[in-house]
Protein backbone atom coordinates (compact mmCIF):
# COMPACT_ATOMS: atom_id res chain seq x y z
CA MET A 1 48.47 32.04 -10.08
CA LYS A 2 46.96 28.86 -8.31
CA TYR A 3 44.01 27.23 -9.60
CA GLU A 4 42.32 24.65 -7.45
CA TYR A 5 40.58 21.65 -9.05
CA LYS A 6 39.03 18.87 -7.32
CA THR A 7 40.09 14.88 -7.39
CA ALA A 8 38.42 12.08 -6.42
CA SER A 9 41.15 12.13 -3.05
CA GLY A 10 40.45 15.51 -2.55
CA LYS A 11 41.66 19.32 -3.36
CA THR A 12 44.75 20.02 -5.45
CA ALA A 13 45.73 23.18 -6.11
CA ILE A 14 48.63 23.73 -9.71
CA GLU A 15 50.41 27.09 -10.65
CA VAL A 16 48.91 28.81 -13.69
CA ASP A 17 49.61 31.88 -15.71
CA GLY A 18 46.42 34.31 -15.67
CA HIS A 19 45.28 33.39 -19.27
CA TRP A 20 44.83 29.99 -18.21
CA ASN A 21 43.78 30.29 -15.13
CA GLY A 22 40.70 32.45 -16.59
CA ILE A 23 40.23 29.74 -19.31
CA LEU A 24 39.84 27.13 -16.21
CA LEU A 25 37.74 29.27 -14.35
CA GLU A 26 35.10 29.48 -16.96
CA LEU A 27 35.28 26.26 -17.91
CA ASP A 28 34.42 25.29 -14.60
CA ARG A 29 31.47 27.61 -14.54
CA LEU A 30 30.06 26.76 -17.66
CA GLU A 31 30.16 22.42 -16.28
CA ARG A 32 28.24 24.15 -13.00
CA ASN A 33 25.55 25.72 -15.22
CA GLY A 34 24.96 22.50 -17.45
CA VAL A 35 24.59 20.22 -14.36
CA LYS A 36 22.47 22.99 -13.14
CA ARG A 37 20.44 23.19 -16.17
CA GLU A 38 20.36 19.29 -16.84
CA THR A 39 19.37 18.40 -13.52
CA ARG A 40 16.45 21.15 -12.40
CA ARG A 41 14.29 19.26 -15.40
CA HIS A 42 14.39 15.97 -13.60
CA ALA A 43 12.69 15.09 -9.98
CA SER A 44 15.10 12.92 -7.56
CA LEU A 45 13.50 9.86 -6.19
CA ASP A 46 14.18 10.88 -2.77
CA ALA A 47 11.81 13.59 -3.13
CA PHE A 48 9.34 10.88 -3.22
CA ASN A 49 10.22 9.45 -0.51
CA LEU A 50 7.22 10.07 1.67
CA ASP A 51 7.32 7.68 5.43
CA ASP A 52 10.37 5.56 4.13
CA ALA A 53 8.30 4.26 1.00
CA LEU A 54 10.07 4.81 -2.18
CA PHE A 55 6.74 5.88 -3.71
CA PRO A 56 3.79 7.16 -1.81
CA SER A 57 0.80 4.90 -1.83
CA GLY A 58 -2.86 4.89 -2.71
CA GLU A 59 -3.69 2.66 -0.09
CA ASP A 60 -5.96 3.52 2.65
CA ILE A 61 -3.92 2.11 5.46
CA PRO A 62 -6.39 2.69 8.35
CA ALA A 63 -9.08 1.57 6.78
CA ASP A 64 -7.23 -1.49 5.45
CA PHE A 65 -6.37 -2.47 8.73
CA GLU A 66 -9.97 -1.88 10.27
CA ALA A 67 -11.19 -4.05 7.34
CA SER A 68 -8.57 -6.95 8.39
CA GLU A 69 -9.67 -6.68 12.04
CA ARG A 70 -13.42 -6.71 11.10
CA ASN A 71 -12.90 -9.75 8.92
CA ALA A 72 -10.84 -11.17 11.70
CA ALA A 73 -13.56 -10.79 14.18
CA LEU A 74 -16.08 -12.30 11.47
CA LYS A 75 -14.18 -15.41 11.04
CA ALA A 76 -13.93 -15.90 14.88
CA ALA A 77 -17.87 -15.49 15.30
CA LEU A 78 -18.33 -17.91 12.43
CA ALA A 79 -16.39 -20.40 14.19
CA GLU A 80 -18.43 -20.13 17.45
CA LEU A 81 -21.41 -21.36 15.33
CA SER A 82 -22.35 -24.94 14.95
CA PRO A 83 -21.41 -26.83 11.85
CA GLU A 84 -24.69 -27.05 10.25
CA GLN A 85 -24.98 -22.96 10.95
CA GLN A 86 -21.72 -22.67 9.52
CA ALA A 87 -22.74 -24.73 5.99
CA LEU A 88 -25.83 -23.17 5.68
CA VAL A 89 -24.19 -19.56 6.36
CA TYR A 90 -21.22 -20.55 3.70
CA ARG A 91 -24.16 -21.59 0.75
CA ILE A 92 -26.08 -18.68 1.12
CA TYR A 93 -23.56 -15.96 1.42
CA PHE A 94 -19.98 -17.27 -0.06
CA TYR A 95 -21.55 -19.73 -2.75
CA ASP A 96 -25.06 -17.50 -3.92
CA GLU A 97 -27.19 -20.49 -3.56
CA LYS A 98 -30.76 -20.05 -3.61
CA ILE A 99 -32.87 -20.45 -0.08
CA ILE A 100 -35.77 -22.46 -2.03
CA ARG A 101 -32.97 -24.54 -3.51
CA ILE A 102 -31.92 -25.80 0.15
CA ALA A 103 -34.98 -26.19 1.82
CA GLU A 104 -36.20 -28.65 -0.92
CA GLU A 105 -32.78 -30.38 -0.50
CA GLN A 106 -33.89 -30.53 3.48
CA GLY A 107 -37.05 -31.52 2.79
CA VAL A 108 -38.62 -28.10 4.74
CA SER A 109 -40.01 -25.11 4.22
CA GLU A 110 -38.28 -21.64 2.89
CA ALA A 111 -39.71 -20.40 6.10
CA ALA A 112 -37.69 -22.30 8.04
CA ILE A 113 -34.26 -21.83 6.26
CA ARG A 114 -35.33 -17.84 6.76
CA ASP A 115 -35.94 -18.53 10.38
CA ARG A 116 -32.48 -20.58 10.88
CA LEU A 117 -30.92 -17.36 9.19
CA LYS A 118 -32.31 -15.17 11.40
CA LYS A 119 -31.21 -16.91 14.35
CA ILE A 120 -27.57 -17.20 12.95
CA LYS A 121 -27.68 -13.26 11.99
CA ASN A 122 -28.67 -12.53 15.64
CA ARG A 123 -26.15 -14.74 17.48
CA LEU A 124 -23.59 -13.27 15.01
CA LYS A 125 -24.93 -9.81 15.99
CA LYS A 126 -24.12 -10.70 20.02
CA SER A 127 -21.02 -12.02 18.96
CA LEU A 128 -19.61 -9.08 16.84
CA ILE A 129 -20.79 -6.12 19.72
């Protein structure tokens, strides 16, 4: 009987008697079953390859893109303000300074600073719409 086995270069057939042929076929069956038994418990990394990324991301890409677009628009709108207005916005909203402290430093009332902020907000709203 002929027994076929696989080599790296392809299949090869050898002549064996019936007893050895049965043993070799049984060993092949046991090897296939062992490989199947061991690999069924493991997930291939290819199963996680969604959208050509190795692992799916927890990020919300459309929301991140929208946020970056809003940030770019806000930076452009802030650039249109005068340097004094920009400084006031940065001091209050980015550096968390108190309005009363800025008013005392500039020698004006707190209401004057609030009016400046209101004008700045209105100007930014117009730029962002």
